[in-house]
Amino acid sequence: MTDPNPETQEKKFNFLGLAIGLGVSLVALLILFNLIDFDEVLQSIKEVDLSVFPWLILLFLISMVTRSIAWRTILQEKISLGRTFLTINEGYLFNNILPFRLGEVARAFLLNQTEKIPFWEVLSTIMVERIVDIAFLATVLLGTIPFVAGVGSAEQAAYASAIIVIVGFSILFWIARNPQKTTALFEKLTSPWPKITDFGREKLESILNGLSALQDFKRFIKVLFFILLSWSFNIAWYTLLLQAFVPEAKLLWGIFAVGFISLGVSIPSSPGYVGVFEAAMTYALSLFGVPESTAFAYAVVGHSLYLVITIAIGSIALGRDGQSLGQVYRGIRNRD
């Protein structure tokens, strides 16, 4: 018999999702362990010049600040830059530690709790930010693939991403510029179910408020500029670290690697993208002739640096908000 209890069904779904993610990460790690020589990995790490790390941290933090400016612009400056910066890192903390990539939902929940901005309004601004990210990554992959051999599958994924971006932006712009028509369409489609209409009307209003940044062309250009700047600094620190492992590495390698791993970690995996991140980075760099062990060592160090910084800042921010991982997780699950 089928269990009619919705809570039981949700637990089964959550367990299945976690199992799939952990399975994908495990397979990625097993493949890597068959390819790499751990003695060479340790030797590569030992030979890295530690003096480069302060610059890496600085570039990383600048990339985070510019991303914070972009998201604050989408939020129409309703919160301070500091609050935006801390909330983004709280989201990364959740993605790094808890399953199901709850970081984006956690950001919306926390701003609702700390700044009283409607949950669905914040979530819609994050959706805009993510679509701009996809647009940038699709452009990066399509722009670098002609210079890289053996990545036909990545080209197909980049074209698919570009199509998603075009469709997504078209829908968002239409919704943002036609709030009354959107509301009327929603009410018409849900008219047979009055409870759904009542339940969704207020949430739709919040979503439309969050998308209102798309109505202002100058504001939207500002968002594009600062997200582009954020990704540029992101590429810069990855490339600088790569050159510490492979002195002859070129900027093209870093650009392609960042685009490729961002695509790679979009598939289900364990919290923090463990295994999948390393596998994607190792494969991307192997296309430029970098030995698997060296590429894996670079991926481990780069991933570890990302995790340490975001977990540290996110934990501090969460503590300042008087919250814990468990409290926020329960709050998200208990939302109506």
Protein backbone atom coordinates (compact mmCIF):
# COMPACT_ATOMS: atom_id res chain seq x y z
CA MET A 1 0.00 0.00 0.00
CA THR A 2 1.07 3.59 -0.62
CA ASP A 3 1.79 5.59 2.50
CA PRO A 4 -0.74 8.47 2.53
CA ASN A 5 1.24 10.47 5.07
CA PRO A 6 2.73 13.53 3.25
CA GLU A 7 5.48 13.88 5.87
CA THR A 8 6.57 10.29 5.32
CA GLN A 9 6.57 10.82 1.55
CA GLU A 10 8.68 13.96 1.96
CA LYS A 11 11.21 12.09 4.09
CA LYS A 12 11.47 9.35 1.46
CA PHE A 13 11.96 11.96 -1.27
CA ASN A 14 14.63 13.77 0.77
CA PHE A 15 16.43 10.52 1.49
CA LEU A 16 16.37 9.55 -2.19
CA GLY A 17 17.74 12.96 -3.21
CA LEU A 18 20.52 12.74 -0.62
CA ALA A 19 21.37 9.18 -1.66
CA ILE A 20 21.63 10.16 -5.33
CA GLY A 21 23.85 13.14 -4.54
CA LEU A 22 26.16 11.11 -2.30
CA GLY A 23 26.27 8.34 -4.92
CA VAL A 24 27.33 10.76 -7.68
CA SER A 25 30.07 12.22 -5.46
CA LEU A 26 31.28 8.75 -4.50
CA VAL A 27 31.49 7.62 -8.13
CA ALA A 28 33.41 10.80 -9.04
CA LEU A 29 35.91 10.18 -6.23
CA LEU A 30 36.37 6.52 -7.15
CA ILE A 31 37.14 7.48 -10.75
CA LEU A 32 39.63 10.10 -9.58
CA PHE A 33 41.37 7.74 -7.18
CA ASN A 34 41.99 5.33 -10.07
CA LEU A 35 43.57 8.10 -12.14
CA ILE A 36 45.79 9.95 -9.72
CA ASP A 37 49.04 9.22 -7.90
CA PHE A 38 48.76 10.46 -4.31
CA ASP A 39 52.52 10.85 -3.96
CA GLU A 40 52.47 13.24 -6.92
CA VAL A 41 49.46 15.06 -5.44
CA LEU A 42 51.27 15.64 -2.14
CA GLN A 43 54.42 16.71 -3.96
CA SER A 44 52.45 19.24 -6.04
CA ILE A 45 50.89 20.72 -2.91
CA LYS A 46 54.25 20.94 -1.11
CA GLU A 47 55.78 22.89 -4.01
CA VAL A 48 53.10 25.62 -4.00
CA ASP A 49 54.38 29.08 -3.11
CA LEU A 50 52.41 30.07 0.02
CA SER A 51 53.06 33.78 -0.57
CA VAL A 52 50.32 33.73 -3.23
CA PHE A 53 47.56 32.94 -0.71
CA PRO A 54 47.00 36.47 0.68
CA TRP A 55 46.37 37.63 -2.90
CA LEU A 56 44.04 34.70 -3.50
CA ILE A 57 42.00 35.57 -0.42
CA LEU A 58 41.88 39.24 -1.40
CA LEU A 59 40.67 38.44 -4.94
CA PHE A 60 38.09 36.03 -3.55
CA LEU A 61 36.72 38.61 -1.11
CA ILE A 62 36.54 41.26 -3.84
CA SER A 63 34.57 38.85 -6.01
CA MET A 64 32.17 38.35 -3.10
CA VAL A 65 31.80 42.10 -2.52
CA THR A 66 31.03 42.80 -6.18
CA ARG A 67 28.46 39.98 -6.17
CA SER A 68 26.93 41.53 -3.06
CA ILE A 69 26.63 44.87 -4.85
CA ALA A 70 24.86 43.13 -7.76
CA TRP A 71 22.36 41.35 -5.51
CA ARG A 72 21.77 44.51 -3.44
CA THR A 73 20.99 46.33 -6.69
CA ILE A 74 18.39 43.69 -7.59
CA LEU A 75 16.98 44.14 -4.08
CA GLN A 76 16.74 47.88 -4.86
CA GLU A 77 19.05 48.81 -1.99
CA LYS A 78 16.54 47.73 0.67
CA ILE A 79 19.40 46.43 2.83
CA SER A 80 22.99 47.49 3.49
CA LEU A 81 25.94 46.13 1.54
CA GLY A 82 27.29 44.49 4.70
CA ARG A 83 24.00 42.68 5.30
CA THR A 84 23.96 41.51 1.69
CA PHE A 85 27.55 40.23 1.91
CA LEU A 86 26.89 38.29 5.11
CA THR A 87 23.64 36.79 3.83
CA ILE A 88 25.28 35.52 0.64
CA ASN A 89 27.92 33.77 2.72
CA GLU A 90 25.24 32.32 4.97
CA GLY A 91 23.74 30.83 1.82
CA TYR A 92 27.10 29.36 0.81
CA LEU A 93 27.44 27.92 4.32
CA PHE A 94 24.18 26.02 3.87
CA ASN A 95 25.20 24.76 0.44
CA ASN A 96 28.54 23.58 1.83
CA ILE A 97 27.25 21.74 4.90
CA LEU A 98 23.65 20.69 4.39
CA PRO A 99 22.15 18.58 1.56
CA PHE A 100 19.70 19.69 -1.16
CA ARG A 101 21.52 23.00 -1.84
CA LEU A 102 19.34 24.95 0.52
CA GLY A 103 21.56 28.01 0.33
CA GLU A 104 19.30 30.08 -1.91
CA VAL A 105 16.20 29.27 0.14
CA ALA A 106 18.18 29.99 3.33
CA ARG A 107 19.12 33.44 2.01
CA ALA A 108 15.46 34.26 1.40
CA PHE A 109 14.46 32.90 4.80
CA LEU A 110 17.16 34.81 6.68
CA LEU A 111 16.42 38.15 5.01
CA ASN A 112 12.77 37.60 5.80
CA GLN A 113 13.71 37.04 9.44
CA THR A 114 16.30 39.82 9.83
CA GLU A 115 15.03 42.52 7.44
CA LYS A 116 11.32 41.58 7.20
CA ILE A 117 11.47 41.48 3.40
CA PRO A 118 8.87 39.00 2.08
CA PHE A 119 10.36 35.54 1.52
CA TRP A 120 9.06 35.18 -2.04
CA GLU A 121 10.27 38.64 -3.00
CA VAL A 122 13.82 37.78 -1.95
CA LEU A 123 13.65 34.40 -3.69
CA SER A 124 12.66 36.06 -6.96
CA THR A 125 15.69 38.39 -6.78
CA ILE A 126 17.94 35.36 -6.30
CA MET A 127 16.33 33.81 -9.38
CA VAL A 128 17.30 36.90 -11.41
CA GLU A 129 20.87 36.69 -10.07
CA ARG A 130 21.12 33.00 -10.98
CA ILE A 131 19.85 33.52 -14.53
CA VAL A 132 22.46 36.24 -15.08
CA ASP A 133 25.07 33.76 -13.79
CA ILE A 134 23.92 31.13 -16.28
CA ALA A 135 24.09 33.71 -19.06
CA PHE A 136 27.69 34.54 -18.17
CA LEU A 137 28.75 30.90 -17.86
CA ALA A 138 27.14 29.96 -21.18
CA THR A 139 29.00 32.85 -22.81
CA VAL A 140 32.29 31.75 -21.22
CA LEU A 141 31.93 28.17 -22.43
CA LEU A 142 30.81 29.11 -25.93
CA GLY A 143 33.66 31.63 -26.17
CA THR A 144 36.42 29.27 -25.00
CA ILE A 145 35.34 25.92 -26.49
CA PRO A 146 36.73 26.74 -29.99
CA PHE A 147 40.20 26.90 -28.36
CA VAL A 148 39.82 23.62 -26.46
CA ALA A 149 39.86 20.13 -27.98
CA GLY A 150 37.53 17.29 -27.04
CA VAL A 151 34.69 19.10 -25.28
CA GLY A 152 31.74 18.53 -27.60
CA SER A 153 29.47 17.66 -24.67
CA ALA A 154 30.33 20.94 -22.96
CA GLU A 155 29.44 22.82 -26.13
CA GLN A 156 26.02 21.20 -26.19
CA ALA A 157 25.51 22.07 -22.53
CA ALA A 158 26.55 25.66 -23.19
CA TYR A 159 24.04 25.98 -26.03
CA ALA A 160 21.36 24.48 -23.79
CA SER A 161 22.26 27.02 -21.09
CA ALA A 162 22.05 29.84 -23.62
CA ILE A 163 18.56 28.73 -24.65
CA ILE A 164 17.49 28.53 -21.01
CA VAL A 165 18.82 32.04 -20.43
CA ILE A 166 16.99 33.51 -23.42
CA VAL A 167 13.72 31.83 -22.48
CA GLY A 168 14.15 32.65 -18.80
CA PHE A 169 14.91 36.32 -19.37
CA SER A 170 12.07 36.65 -21.86
CA ILE A 171 9.59 35.27 -19.32
CA LEU A 172 10.98 37.34 -16.45
CA PHE A 173 10.97 40.58 -18.45
CA TRP A 174 7.40 40.00 -19.59
CA ILE A 175 6.26 39.24 -16.02
CA ALA A 176 8.16 42.23 -14.58
CA ARG A 177 6.73 44.65 -17.13
CA ASN A 178 3.18 43.26 -17.01
CA PRO A 179 2.40 42.71 -13.31
CA GLN A 180 -1.35 43.27 -13.72
CA LYS A 181 -1.61 40.88 -16.67
CA THR A 182 0.46 38.33 -14.76
CA THR A 183 -1.84 38.56 -11.75
CA ALA A 184 -4.92 38.31 -13.94
CA LEU A 185 -3.50 35.28 -15.77
CA PHE A 186 -2.69 33.57 -12.46
CA GLU A 187 -6.19 34.18 -11.11
CA LYS A 188 -7.74 32.91 -14.34
CA LEU A 189 -5.66 29.73 -14.38
CA THR A 190 -6.34 28.97 -10.71
CA SER A 191 -10.00 30.04 -10.69
CA PRO A 192 -11.23 26.42 -10.40
CA TRP A 193 -9.28 26.16 -7.15
CA PRO A 194 -10.04 29.22 -4.97
CA LYS A 195 -7.77 28.03 -2.16
CA ILE A 196 -4.79 28.00 -4.53
CA THR A 197 -5.73 31.49 -5.76
CA ASP A 198 -5.90 32.83 -2.20
CA PHE A 199 -2.70 31.01 -1.22
CA GLY A 200 -0.70 32.26 -4.20
CA ARG A 201 -1.98 35.81 -4.66
CA GLU A 202 0.10 37.36 -1.87
CA LYS A 203 3.18 35.35 -2.81
CA LEU A 204 2.85 36.37 -6.44
CA GLU A 205 2.70 40.01 -5.36
CA SER A 206 5.97 39.54 -3.47
CA ILE A 207 7.58 37.85 -6.47
CA LEU A 208 6.54 40.74 -8.73
CA ASN A 209 8.06 43.21 -6.29
CA GLY A 210 11.30 41.26 -6.42
CA LEU A 211 11.33 41.34 -10.22
CA SER A 212 10.68 45.07 -10.41
CA ALA A 213 14.42 45.72 -10.82
CA LEU A 214 14.02 44.44 -14.38
CA GLN A 215 11.77 47.40 -15.16
CA ASP A 216 14.69 49.81 -14.72
CA PHE A 217 17.17 49.47 -17.61
CA LYS A 218 19.99 51.34 -15.83
CA ARG A 219 19.58 49.18 -12.74
CA PHE A 220 19.66 46.02 -14.82
CA ILE A 221 22.86 47.15 -16.60
CA LYS A 222 24.40 47.80 -13.19
CA VAL A 223 23.50 44.25 -12.13
CA LEU A 224 25.09 42.82 -15.29
CA PHE A 225 28.24 44.89 -14.75
CA PHE A 226 28.85 43.83 -11.15
CA ILE A 227 28.10 40.15 -11.78
CA LEU A 228 30.55 40.29 -14.70
CA LEU A 229 33.06 41.95 -12.38
CA SER A 230 32.45 39.29 -9.73
CA TRP A 231 33.09 36.45 -12.16
CA SER A 232 36.20 38.26 -13.46
CA PHE A 233 37.73 38.35 -9.98
CA ASN A 234 36.63 34.76 -9.46
CA ILE A 235 38.47 33.72 -12.62
CA ALA A 236 41.48 35.80 -11.54
CA TRP A 237 41.96 34.00 -8.25
CA TYR A 238 41.48 30.56 -9.78
CA THR A 239 43.99 31.41 -12.53
CA LEU A 240 46.52 32.82 -10.06
CA LEU A 241 46.30 29.64 -7.97
CA LEU A 242 46.59 27.50 -11.11
CA GLN A 243 49.81 29.28 -12.06
CA ALA A 244 51.19 28.39 -8.61
CA PHE A 245 50.78 24.72 -9.61
CA VAL A 246 51.42 25.06 -13.37
CA PRO A 247 53.59 28.15 -14.06
CA GLU A 248 52.93 27.99 -17.82
CA ALA A 249 49.14 28.08 -17.34
CA LYS A 250 47.36 30.73 -19.39
CA LEU A 251 44.32 32.86 -18.59
CA LEU A 252 42.29 30.82 -21.10
CA TRP A 253 42.79 27.73 -18.92
CA GLY A 254 41.39 29.47 -15.88
CA ILE A 255 38.44 30.92 -17.78
CA PHE A 256 37.47 27.57 -19.28
CA ALA A 257 38.00 25.71 -15.99
CA VAL A 258 35.75 28.07 -14.04
CA GLY A 259 33.00 27.82 -16.66
CA PHE A 260 33.30 24.05 -16.85
CA ILE A 261 33.25 23.37 -13.10
CA SER A 262 30.31 25.72 -12.65
CA LEU A 263 28.48 23.55 -15.15
CA GLY A 264 29.76 20.38 -13.50
CA VAL A 265 28.57 21.19 -9.98
CA SER A 266 25.05 21.76 -11.29
CA ILE A 267 24.47 17.99 -11.24
CA PRO A 268 23.36 16.32 -7.97
CA SER A 269 26.18 15.76 -5.50
CA SER A 270 27.02 15.76 -1.83
CA PRO A 271 27.01 18.99 0.23
CA GLY A 272 29.84 21.26 -0.87
CA TYR A 273 30.07 19.52 -4.29
CA VAL A 274 32.77 17.20 -2.90
CA GLY A 275 34.11 14.89 -5.61
CA VAL A 276 32.13 16.46 -8.44
CA PHE A 277 34.10 19.72 -8.18
CA GLU A 278 37.44 17.89 -8.22
CA ALA A 279 36.41 15.60 -11.09
CA ALA A 280 35.18 18.49 -13.25
CA MET A 281 38.31 20.56 -12.59
CA THR A 282 40.66 17.62 -13.22
CA TYR A 283 38.97 16.81 -16.52
CA ALA A 284 38.88 20.46 -17.65
CA LEU A 285 42.60 20.95 -17.03
CA SER A 286 43.53 17.59 -18.58
CA LEU A 287 42.28 19.03 -21.88
CA PHE A 288 45.22 21.46 -21.71
CA GLY A 289 47.71 18.69 -20.97
CA VAL A 290 47.89 19.19 -17.20
CA PRO A 291 48.69 15.85 -15.47
CA GLU A 292 45.70 14.42 -13.56
CA SER A 293 47.55 14.37 -10.23
CA THR A 294 48.59 18.02 -10.54
CA ALA A 295 45.09 19.06 -11.62
CA PHE A 296 43.56 17.12 -8.73
CA ALA A 297 45.96 18.74 -6.23
CA TYR A 298 45.02 22.18 -7.58
CA ALA A 299 41.31 21.35 -7.38
CA VAL A 300 41.60 20.16 -3.77
CA VAL A 301 43.47 23.29 -2.66
CA GLY A 302 41.15 25.66 -4.55
CA HIS A 303 38.02 23.91 -3.28
CA SER A 304 39.36 23.85 0.29
CA LEU A 305 40.14 27.57 0.18
CA TYR A 306 36.60 28.29 -1.03
CA LEU A 307 35.06 26.11 1.68
CA VAL A 308 37.16 27.55 4.50
CA ILE A 309 36.42 31.18 3.62
CA THR A 310 32.69 30.79 2.99
CA ILE A 311 32.09 28.52 5.98
CA ALA A 312 34.02 30.88 8.27
CA ILE A 313 32.22 34.04 7.13
CA GLY A 314 28.86 32.28 6.94
CA SER A 315 29.23 30.88 10.47
CA ILE A 316 30.12 34.30 11.87
CA ALA A 317 27.13 35.87 10.08
CA LEU A 318 24.76 33.16 11.29
CA GLY A 319 25.98 33.63 14.86
CA ARG A 320 25.45 37.40 14.63
CA ASP A 321 21.88 36.73 13.54
CA GLY A 322 21.34 34.52 16.60
CA GLN A 323 20.57 31.56 14.35
CA SER A 324 21.89 28.03 13.96
CA LEU A 325 21.91 25.64 11.02
CA GLY A 326 19.24 23.53 12.68
CA GLN A 327 16.97 26.50 13.44
CA VAL A 328 17.10 27.81 9.89
CA TYR A 329 16.64 24.34 8.40
CA ARG A 330 13.55 23.75 10.55
CA GLY A 331 12.26 27.23 9.72
CA ILE A 332 12.58 26.52 5.98
CA ARG A 333 10.78 23.19 6.30
CA ASN A 334 7.97 24.70 8.35
CA ARG A 335 7.23 27.52 5.91
CA ASP A 336 3.71 27.49 4.47
